[in-house]
Every structure is written in structure tokens, then in C-alpha cells.
Amino acid sequence: MDGQPTDVLIKLTPTWDRVIRIWWAYLWRNLIAALVSIIIAFIIAIAADFVLRTFQVSETIIKIITMFIVFVVSLIIGIFPMKMIIGKKFRDFSLIIVKN
């Protein structure tokens, strides 16, 4: 339940062990997201390249549009790894968001 207190929160020290576990949880999900981004951006870029060449758009413009597509796809997909680790239960703690 959003905003409902359920337990007493205990602030833990960000030890290297905890930090590394959070970092690893984020890193491997982010690597998978990067691979997914590459695949999706590649497919979209090939389709855009085909359409743009059909309309005889210059090579420079095609490159700019392709780079923009890769950038946008990466931004959109890149948020998912962070969302996936928020709320994750680790061995002796959970990564949560609390209201100030």
C-alpha cells in the first residue's frame, strides 16, 4: 500500500558489501537493457534508413536521424533497470523509496 507505514525503518550504513550488491543488481540488468536497446535501435534504424533512402535523403541526415533513434531508444529502455532494483530484497536489506 503506497504511503502506508508497515514497519519501523532502520537506517543501515552503506558498507562496501551493500553498495556492491546494489551496483551488481543494477549493472547486470543495465547490460541486458543495453543489448535490448541495441537490437531495437538497430531494427528501427534499418527501417528508417530504408525509408529515408527511398526519399533520397542525404547520407549526413540519415546518420543524424539514426544516431537520434539510438539515443532515444537507449533513454527509454535505460530506465527499466533502475525501476527493477527499486523494491528489490537483498540478503539483509531492501532498496526502497521512503517519504521524507
C-alpha atoms as a PDB file:
ATOM      1  CA  MET A   1       0.000   0.000   0.000  1.00  0.00           C
ATOM      2  CA  ASP A   2       1.508   3.271  -1.085  1.00  0.00           C
ATOM      3  CA  GLY A   3       2.231   5.645   1.760  1.00  0.00           C
ATOM      4  CA  GLN A   4       1.099   3.237   4.490  1.00  0.00           C
ATOM      5  CA  PRO A   5       3.634   2.626   7.270  1.00  0.00           C
ATOM      6  CA  THR A   6       4.118  -1.107   7.718  1.00  0.00           C
ATOM      7  CA  ASP A   7       7.418  -1.485   9.576  1.00  0.00           C
ATOM      8  CA  VAL A   8       9.871   0.589  11.527  1.00  0.00           C
ATOM      9  CA  LEU A   9      12.638   1.733   9.188  1.00  0.00           C
ATOM     10  CA  ILE A  10      16.215   1.203  10.325  1.00  0.00           C
ATOM     11  CA  LYS A  11      18.873   3.193   8.528  1.00  0.00           C
ATOM     12  CA  LEU A  12      21.790   0.966   7.572  1.00  0.00           C
ATOM     13  CA  THR A  13      25.344   2.043   6.872  1.00  0.00           C
ATOM     14  CA  PRO A  14      26.188   1.877   3.150  1.00  0.00           C
ATOM     15  CA  THR A  15      29.007  -0.638   3.551  1.00  0.00           C
ATOM     16  CA  TRP A  16      31.024  -1.733   0.537  1.00  0.00           C
ATOM     17  CA  ASP A  17      29.294  -5.116   0.641  1.00  0.00           C
ATOM     18  CA  ARG A  18      25.847  -3.497   0.369  1.00  0.00           C
ATOM     19  CA  VAL A  19      26.944  -0.973  -2.230  1.00  0.00           C
ATOM     20  CA  ILE A  20      28.498  -3.680  -4.398  1.00  0.00           C
ATOM     21  CA  ARG A  21      25.337  -5.814  -4.201  1.00  0.00           C
ATOM     22  CA  ILE A  22      23.187  -2.840  -5.298  1.00  0.00           C
ATOM     23  CA  TRP A  23      25.696  -1.955  -8.024  1.00  0.00           C
ATOM     24  CA  TRP A  24      25.764  -5.537  -9.322  1.00  0.00           C
ATOM     25  CA  ALA A  25      21.953  -5.794  -9.292  1.00  0.00           C
ATOM     26  CA  TYR A  26      21.807  -2.622 -11.376  1.00  0.00           C
ATOM     27  CA  LEU A  27      24.782  -3.431 -13.624  1.00  0.00           C
ATOM     28  CA  TRP A  28      23.672  -6.795 -14.979  1.00  0.00           C
ATOM     29  CA  ARG A  29      20.149  -5.544 -15.604  1.00  0.00           C
ATOM     30  CA  ASN A  30      21.592  -2.486 -17.317  1.00  0.00           C
ATOM     31  CA  LEU A  31      23.784  -4.656 -19.563  1.00  0.00           C
ATOM     32  CA  ILE A  32      20.738  -6.642 -20.654  1.00  0.00           C
ATOM     33  CA  ALA A  33      18.839  -3.392 -21.248  1.00  0.00           C
ATOM     34  CA  ALA A  34      21.755  -2.121 -23.353  1.00  0.00           C
ATOM     35  CA  LEU A  35      21.648  -5.249 -25.510  1.00  0.00           C
ATOM     36  CA  VAL A  36      17.884  -4.904 -25.922  1.00  0.00           C
ATOM     37  CA  SER A  37      18.373  -1.219 -26.815  1.00  0.00           C
ATOM     38  CA  ILE A  38      20.937  -2.104 -29.454  1.00  0.00           C
ATOM     39  CA  ILE A  39      18.666  -4.697 -31.041  1.00  0.00           C
ATOM     40  CA  ILE A  40      15.588  -2.456 -31.043  1.00  0.00           C
ATOM     41  CA  ALA A  41      17.518   0.607 -32.235  1.00  0.00           C
ATOM     42  CA  PHE A  42      19.170  -1.467 -34.975  1.00  0.00           C
ATOM     43  CA  ILE A  43      15.809  -2.687 -36.279  1.00  0.00           C
ATOM     44  CA  ILE A  44      14.278   0.801 -36.185  1.00  0.00           C
ATOM     45  CA  ALA A  45      17.399   2.359 -37.746  1.00  0.00           C
ATOM     46  CA  ILE A  46      17.386  -0.144 -40.627  1.00  0.00           C
ATOM     47  CA  ALA A  47      13.732   0.614 -41.320  1.00  0.00           C
ATOM     48  CA  ALA A  48      14.363   4.379 -41.105  1.00  0.00           C
ATOM     49  CA  ASP A  49      17.421   4.055 -43.339  1.00  0.00           C
ATOM     50  CA  PHE A  50      15.375   2.204 -45.953  1.00  0.00           C
ATOM     51  CA  VAL A  51      12.583   4.793 -45.895  1.00  0.00           C
ATOM     52  CA  LEU A  52      14.966   7.761 -45.946  1.00  0.00           C
ATOM     53  CA  ARG A  53      16.979   6.329 -48.842  1.00  0.00           C
ATOM     54  CA  THR A  54      13.733   5.779 -50.723  1.00  0.00           C
ATOM     55  CA  PHE A  55      13.119   9.521 -50.422  1.00  0.00           C
ATOM     56  CA  GLN A  56      16.752  10.230 -51.373  1.00  0.00           C
ATOM     57  CA  VAL A  57      17.654  11.890 -48.086  1.00  0.00           C
ATOM     58  CA  SER A  58      21.340  12.770 -47.795  1.00  0.00           C
ATOM     59  CA  GLU A  59      23.757  10.417 -46.058  1.00  0.00           C
ATOM     60  CA  THR A  60      24.526  13.031 -43.390  1.00  0.00           C
ATOM     61  CA  ILE A  61      20.859  13.454 -42.454  1.00  0.00           C
ATOM     62  CA  ILE A  62      20.409   9.672 -42.342  1.00  0.00           C
ATOM     63  CA  LYS A  63      23.342   9.383 -39.916  1.00  0.00           C
ATOM     64  CA  ILE A  64      21.942  12.145 -37.698  1.00  0.00           C
ATOM     65  CA  ILE A  65      18.492  10.571 -37.626  1.00  0.00           C
ATOM     66  CA  THR A  66      19.977   7.127 -36.917  1.00  0.00           C
ATOM     67  CA  MET A  67      22.047   8.479 -34.009  1.00  0.00           C
ATOM     68  CA  PHE A  68      18.946  10.214 -32.635  1.00  0.00           C
ATOM     69  CA  ILE A  69      16.964   6.950 -32.840  1.00  0.00           C
ATOM     70  CA  VAL A  70      19.690   5.083 -30.933  1.00  0.00           C
ATOM     71  CA  PHE A  71      19.806   7.851 -28.312  1.00  0.00           C
ATOM     72  CA  VAL A  72      16.026   7.912 -27.761  1.00  0.00           C
ATOM     73  CA  VAL A  73      15.675   4.119 -27.607  1.00  0.00           C
ATOM     74  CA  SER A  74      18.552   3.929 -25.111  1.00  0.00           C
ATOM     75  CA  LEU A  75      16.992   6.607 -22.911  1.00  0.00           C
ATOM     76  CA  ILE A  76      13.620   4.898 -22.876  1.00  0.00           C
ATOM     77  CA  ILE A  77      14.915   1.391 -22.180  1.00  0.00           C
ATOM     78  CA  GLY A  78      17.635   2.597 -19.802  1.00  0.00           C
ATOM     79  CA  ILE A  79      15.141   3.497 -17.069  1.00  0.00           C
ATOM     80  CA  PHE A  80      13.899  -0.074 -16.640  1.00  0.00           C
ATOM     81  CA  PRO A  81      16.948  -1.488 -14.782  1.00  0.00           C
ATOM     82  CA  MET A  82      16.615   1.200 -12.113  1.00  0.00           C
ATOM     83  CA  LYS A  83      12.890   0.513 -11.754  1.00  0.00           C
ATOM     84  CA  MET A  84      13.630  -3.193 -11.447  1.00  0.00           C
ATOM     85  CA  ILE A  85      16.015  -2.841  -8.481  1.00  0.00           C
ATOM     86  CA  ILE A  86      13.886  -0.383  -6.507  1.00  0.00           C
ATOM     87  CA  GLY A  87      11.955  -2.559  -4.091  1.00  0.00           C
ATOM     88  CA  LYS A  88      14.367  -5.483  -4.504  1.00  0.00           C
ATOM     89  CA  LYS A  89      15.005  -7.523  -1.396  1.00  0.00           C
ATOM     90  CA  PHE A  90      18.679  -8.204  -0.774  1.00  0.00           C
ATOM     91  CA  ARG A  91      20.071 -10.570   1.844  1.00  0.00           C
ATOM     92  CA  ASP A  92      19.778  -8.233   4.849  1.00  0.00           C
ATOM     93  CA  PHE A  93      18.059  -5.154   3.422  1.00  0.00           C
ATOM     94  CA  SER A  94      15.664  -3.887   0.756  1.00  0.00           C
ATOM     95  CA  LEU A  95      16.140  -0.993  -1.619  1.00  0.00           C
ATOM     96  CA  ILE A  96      13.058   1.165  -1.130  1.00  0.00           C
ATOM     97  CA  ILE A  97      11.854   4.715  -1.557  1.00  0.00           C
ATOM     98  CA  VAL A  98      10.568   6.400   1.568  1.00  0.00           C
ATOM     99  CA  LYS A  99       8.850   9.723   2.075  1.00  0.00           C
ATOM    100  CA  ASN A 100      10.887  12.423   3.857  1.00  0.00           C
END
